[in-house]
Amino acid sequence: MDGRGRVYDNIFVERLWRSVKFEEVYLHDYQTVLEARTHLAAYFDFYNDERPHEALGYRTPHEVYFGTRATLVPASEAVV
């Protein structure tokens, strides 16, 4: 956090929760807390390990953070 009231402080977290809500929560009618936790855990595994992100050069967060792909392409070169 750069300072109180900075506009860009929470932009990444807000974007994550928007994706969670629109891609998972709003599409399911959870009947129990356990069901919601199970579905959300599966979604976060998908989000981090399988879902490509445009801002990361169409790589997953796991690939970027851990460098699991043999040839990592810089995000600026991946977007055509």
N, C-alpha and C. Protein backbone atom coordinates (compact mmCIF):
# COMPACT_ATOMS: atom_id res chain seq x y z
N MET A 1 0.83 -1.18 0.00
CA MET A 1 0.00 0.00 0.00
C MET A 1 0.88 1.25 0.00
N ASP A 2 0.64 2.10 -0.94
CA ASP A 2 1.45 3.31 -1.06
C ASP A 2 1.02 4.42 -0.13
N GLY A 3 -0.21 4.42 0.27
CA GLY A 3 -0.68 5.48 1.15
C GLY A 3 -2.19 5.44 1.26
N ARG A 4 -2.67 6.13 2.23
CA ARG A 4 -4.11 6.15 2.47
C ARG A 4 -4.85 6.79 1.29
N GLY A 5 -5.87 6.10 0.82
CA GLY A 5 -6.70 6.64 -0.24
C GLY A 5 -6.17 6.48 -1.64
N ARG A 6 -5.07 5.76 -1.82
CA ARG A 6 -4.55 5.57 -3.17
C ARG A 6 -5.54 4.75 -4.00
N VAL A 7 -5.81 5.20 -5.18
CA VAL A 7 -6.79 4.57 -6.05
C VAL A 7 -6.39 3.16 -6.46
N TYR A 8 -5.12 2.93 -6.72
CA TYR A 8 -4.68 1.66 -7.29
C TYR A 8 -4.28 0.61 -6.25
N ASP A 9 -4.41 0.91 -4.97
CA ASP A 9 -3.98 -0.01 -3.93
C ASP A 9 -4.67 -1.36 -4.01
N ASN A 10 -5.96 -1.38 -4.22
CA ASN A 10 -6.72 -2.62 -4.16
C ASN A 10 -7.16 -3.14 -5.52
N ILE A 11 -6.64 -2.60 -6.59
CA ILE A 11 -7.15 -2.94 -7.92
C ILE A 11 -6.98 -4.43 -8.23
N PHE A 12 -5.88 -5.05 -7.81
CA PHE A 12 -5.64 -6.45 -8.12
C PHE A 12 -6.57 -7.36 -7.33
N VAL A 13 -6.79 -7.02 -6.07
CA VAL A 13 -7.70 -7.82 -5.24
C VAL A 13 -9.14 -7.65 -5.72
N GLU A 14 -9.52 -6.44 -6.07
CA GLU A 14 -10.87 -6.20 -6.58
C GLU A 14 -11.11 -6.97 -7.87
N ARG A 15 -10.13 -7.02 -8.74
CA ARG A 15 -10.27 -7.75 -10.00
C ARG A 15 -10.40 -9.26 -9.75
N LEU A 16 -9.62 -9.76 -8.80
CA LEU A 16 -9.72 -11.18 -8.44
C LEU A 16 -11.13 -11.50 -7.95
N TRP A 17 -11.66 -10.71 -7.02
CA TRP A 17 -12.99 -11.00 -6.47
C TRP A 17 -14.08 -10.83 -7.51
N ARG A 18 -13.89 -9.93 -8.47
CA ARG A 18 -14.87 -9.81 -9.56
C ARG A 18 -14.90 -11.10 -10.36
N SER A 19 -13.73 -11.63 -10.68
CA SER A 19 -13.64 -12.89 -11.42
C SER A 19 -14.28 -14.03 -10.64
N VAL A 20 -13.99 -14.11 -9.35
CA VAL A 20 -14.56 -15.17 -8.51
C VAL A 20 -16.08 -15.09 -8.52
N LYS A 21 -16.61 -13.90 -8.34
CA LYS A 21 -18.07 -13.75 -8.29
C LYS A 21 -18.73 -14.10 -9.62
N PHE A 22 -18.21 -13.55 -10.72
CA PHE A 22 -18.87 -13.74 -12.01
C PHE A 22 -18.63 -15.11 -12.61
N GLU A 23 -17.48 -15.73 -12.35
CA GLU A 23 -17.17 -17.02 -12.95
C GLU A 23 -17.55 -18.21 -12.08
N GLU A 24 -17.82 -17.99 -10.78
CA GLU A 24 -18.13 -19.11 -9.91
C GLU A 24 -19.37 -18.87 -9.06
N VAL A 25 -19.36 -17.87 -8.22
CA VAL A 25 -20.40 -17.69 -7.21
C VAL A 25 -21.77 -17.45 -7.82
N TYR A 26 -21.86 -16.53 -8.78
CA TYR A 26 -23.16 -16.19 -9.35
C TYR A 26 -23.75 -17.31 -10.20
N LEU A 27 -22.92 -18.27 -10.60
CA LEU A 27 -23.38 -19.37 -11.46
C LEU A 27 -23.88 -20.58 -10.68
N HIS A 28 -23.66 -20.60 -9.36
CA HIS A 28 -24.04 -21.76 -8.56
C HIS A 28 -24.94 -21.35 -7.41
N ASP A 29 -25.78 -22.26 -7.02
CA ASP A 29 -26.68 -22.05 -5.89
C ASP A 29 -26.23 -22.99 -4.77
N TYR A 30 -25.29 -22.53 -3.97
CA TYR A 30 -24.75 -23.36 -2.90
C TYR A 30 -25.81 -23.56 -1.82
N GLN A 31 -25.94 -24.80 -1.37
CA GLN A 31 -26.92 -25.12 -0.35
C GLN A 31 -26.31 -25.15 1.05
N THR A 32 -25.00 -25.42 1.13
CA THR A 32 -24.33 -25.49 2.42
C THR A 32 -23.00 -24.75 2.35
N VAL A 33 -22.47 -24.43 3.50
CA VAL A 33 -21.16 -23.77 3.57
C VAL A 33 -20.08 -24.72 3.05
N LEU A 34 -20.19 -25.99 3.38
CA LEU A 34 -19.22 -26.97 2.90
C LEU A 34 -19.20 -27.04 1.37
N GLU A 35 -20.37 -27.02 0.77
CA GLU A 35 -20.46 -27.03 -0.70
C GLU A 35 -19.81 -25.78 -1.29
N ALA A 36 -20.05 -24.64 -0.70
CA ALA A 36 -19.44 -23.39 -1.18
C ALA A 36 -17.92 -23.44 -1.06
N ARG A 37 -17.44 -23.91 0.08
CA ARG A 37 -15.99 -24.02 0.28
C ARG A 37 -15.35 -24.97 -0.72
N THR A 38 -16.00 -26.08 -0.97
CA THR A 38 -15.49 -27.07 -1.91
C THR A 38 -15.41 -26.48 -3.32
N HIS A 39 -16.47 -25.84 -3.75
CA HIS A 39 -16.50 -25.24 -5.09
C HIS A 39 -15.49 -24.11 -5.22
N LEU A 40 -15.38 -23.28 -4.19
CA LEU A 40 -14.43 -22.16 -4.25
C LEU A 40 -12.98 -22.67 -4.24
N ALA A 41 -12.71 -23.70 -3.47
CA ALA A 41 -11.36 -24.27 -3.47
C ALA A 41 -11.01 -24.80 -4.86
N ALA A 42 -11.96 -25.48 -5.49
CA ALA A 42 -11.74 -25.98 -6.85
C ALA A 42 -11.55 -24.83 -7.83
N TYR A 43 -12.31 -23.75 -7.67
CA TYR A 43 -12.19 -22.60 -8.56
C TYR A 43 -10.81 -21.96 -8.42
N PHE A 44 -10.33 -21.78 -7.18
CA PHE A 44 -9.03 -21.16 -6.99
C PHE A 44 -7.91 -22.03 -7.53
N ASP A 45 -8.04 -23.34 -7.45
CA ASP A 45 -7.07 -24.23 -8.09
C ASP A 45 -7.08 -24.02 -9.60
N PHE A 46 -8.28 -23.95 -10.19
CA PHE A 46 -8.42 -23.69 -11.62
C PHE A 46 -7.84 -22.32 -11.98
N TYR A 47 -8.17 -21.30 -11.20
CA TYR A 47 -7.74 -19.92 -11.46
C TYR A 47 -6.22 -19.81 -11.46
N ASN A 48 -5.57 -20.49 -10.52
CA ASN A 48 -4.12 -20.38 -10.39
C ASN A 48 -3.34 -21.34 -11.27
N ASP A 49 -3.91 -22.50 -11.58
CA ASP A 49 -3.14 -23.53 -12.27
C ASP A 49 -3.53 -23.76 -13.72
N GLU A 50 -4.75 -23.41 -14.13
CA GLU A 50 -5.21 -23.75 -15.48
C GLU A 50 -5.66 -22.55 -16.30
N ARG A 51 -6.23 -21.54 -15.68
CA ARG A 51 -6.83 -20.42 -16.40
C ARG A 51 -5.75 -19.45 -16.86
N PRO A 52 -5.57 -19.26 -18.19
CA PRO A 52 -4.57 -18.30 -18.67
C PRO A 52 -5.06 -16.87 -18.44
N HIS A 53 -4.12 -15.98 -18.13
CA HIS A 53 -4.44 -14.59 -17.86
C HIS A 53 -3.78 -13.72 -18.92
N GLU A 54 -4.57 -12.86 -19.53
CA GLU A 54 -4.06 -12.00 -20.60
C GLU A 54 -2.91 -11.12 -20.11
N ALA A 55 -3.07 -10.56 -18.92
CA ALA A 55 -2.05 -9.66 -18.38
C ALA A 55 -0.73 -10.38 -18.09
N LEU A 56 -0.76 -11.69 -18.00
CA LEU A 56 0.45 -12.47 -17.73
C LEU A 56 0.97 -13.15 -19.00
N GLY A 57 0.59 -12.63 -20.14
CA GLY A 57 1.05 -13.21 -21.41
C GLY A 57 0.41 -14.56 -21.67
N TYR A 58 -0.85 -14.69 -21.29
CA TYR A 58 -1.62 -15.93 -21.46
C TYR A 58 -0.96 -17.12 -20.75
N ARG A 59 -0.36 -16.82 -19.61
CA ARG A 59 0.18 -17.86 -18.74
C ARG A 59 -0.65 -17.88 -17.46
N THR A 60 -0.51 -18.92 -16.69
CA THR A 60 -1.22 -19.00 -15.42
C THR A 60 -0.37 -18.33 -14.33
N PRO A 61 -0.99 -17.90 -13.23
CA PRO A 61 -0.21 -17.34 -12.13
C PRO A 61 0.84 -18.34 -11.60
N HIS A 62 0.49 -19.62 -11.59
CA HIS A 62 1.44 -20.63 -11.13
C HIS A 62 2.67 -20.67 -12.02
N GLU A 63 2.48 -20.60 -13.33
CA GLU A 63 3.60 -20.61 -14.27
C GLU A 63 4.48 -19.38 -14.08
N VAL A 64 3.87 -18.24 -13.86
CA VAL A 64 4.64 -17.00 -13.70
C VAL A 64 5.41 -17.01 -12.39
N TYR A 65 4.75 -17.40 -11.32
CA TYR A 65 5.37 -17.34 -10.00
C TYR A 65 6.46 -18.39 -9.82
N PHE A 66 6.17 -19.62 -10.25
CA PHE A 66 7.11 -20.71 -10.05
C PHE A 66 7.97 -20.99 -11.27
N GLY A 67 7.66 -20.38 -12.41
CA GLY A 67 8.45 -20.59 -13.62
C GLY A 67 8.41 -22.01 -14.12
N THR A 68 7.21 -22.62 -14.13
CA THR A 68 7.10 -24.03 -14.49
C THR A 68 7.16 -24.29 -15.98
N ARG A 69 6.89 -23.31 -16.80
CA ARG A 69 6.96 -23.52 -18.25
C ARG A 69 8.41 -23.40 -18.69
N ALA A 70 8.82 -24.25 -19.60
CA ALA A 70 10.22 -24.28 -20.02
C ALA A 70 10.66 -22.94 -20.60
N THR A 71 9.85 -22.36 -21.48
CA THR A 71 10.18 -21.08 -22.08
C THR A 71 9.13 -20.06 -21.69
N LEU A 72 9.48 -19.18 -20.82
CA LEU A 72 8.54 -18.14 -20.40
C LEU A 72 8.64 -16.96 -21.36
N VAL A 73 7.52 -16.57 -21.90
CA VAL A 73 7.46 -15.46 -22.84
C VAL A 73 7.07 -14.20 -22.06
N PRO A 74 7.82 -13.12 -22.20
CA PRO A 74 7.42 -11.88 -21.50
C PRO A 74 6.02 -11.45 -21.92
N ALA A 75 5.25 -10.95 -20.99
CA ALA A 75 3.86 -10.57 -21.26
C ALA A 75 3.76 -9.55 -22.39
N SER A 76 4.73 -8.67 -22.50
CA SER A 76 4.68 -7.65 -23.55
C SER A 76 4.84 -8.25 -24.94
N GLU A 77 5.48 -9.40 -25.06
CA GLU A 77 5.66 -10.05 -26.35
C GLU A 77 4.55 -11.02 -26.69
N ALA A 78 3.81 -11.50 -25.69
CA ALA A 78 2.80 -12.52 -25.93
C ALA A 78 1.52 -11.96 -26.52
N VAL A 79 1.19 -10.72 -26.23
CA VAL A 79 -0.04 -10.13 -26.74
C VAL A 79 0.21 -9.58 -28.12
N VAL A 80 -0.57 -10.02 -29.08
CA VAL A 80 -0.36 -9.62 -30.48
C VAL A 80 -1.17 -8.39 -30.81
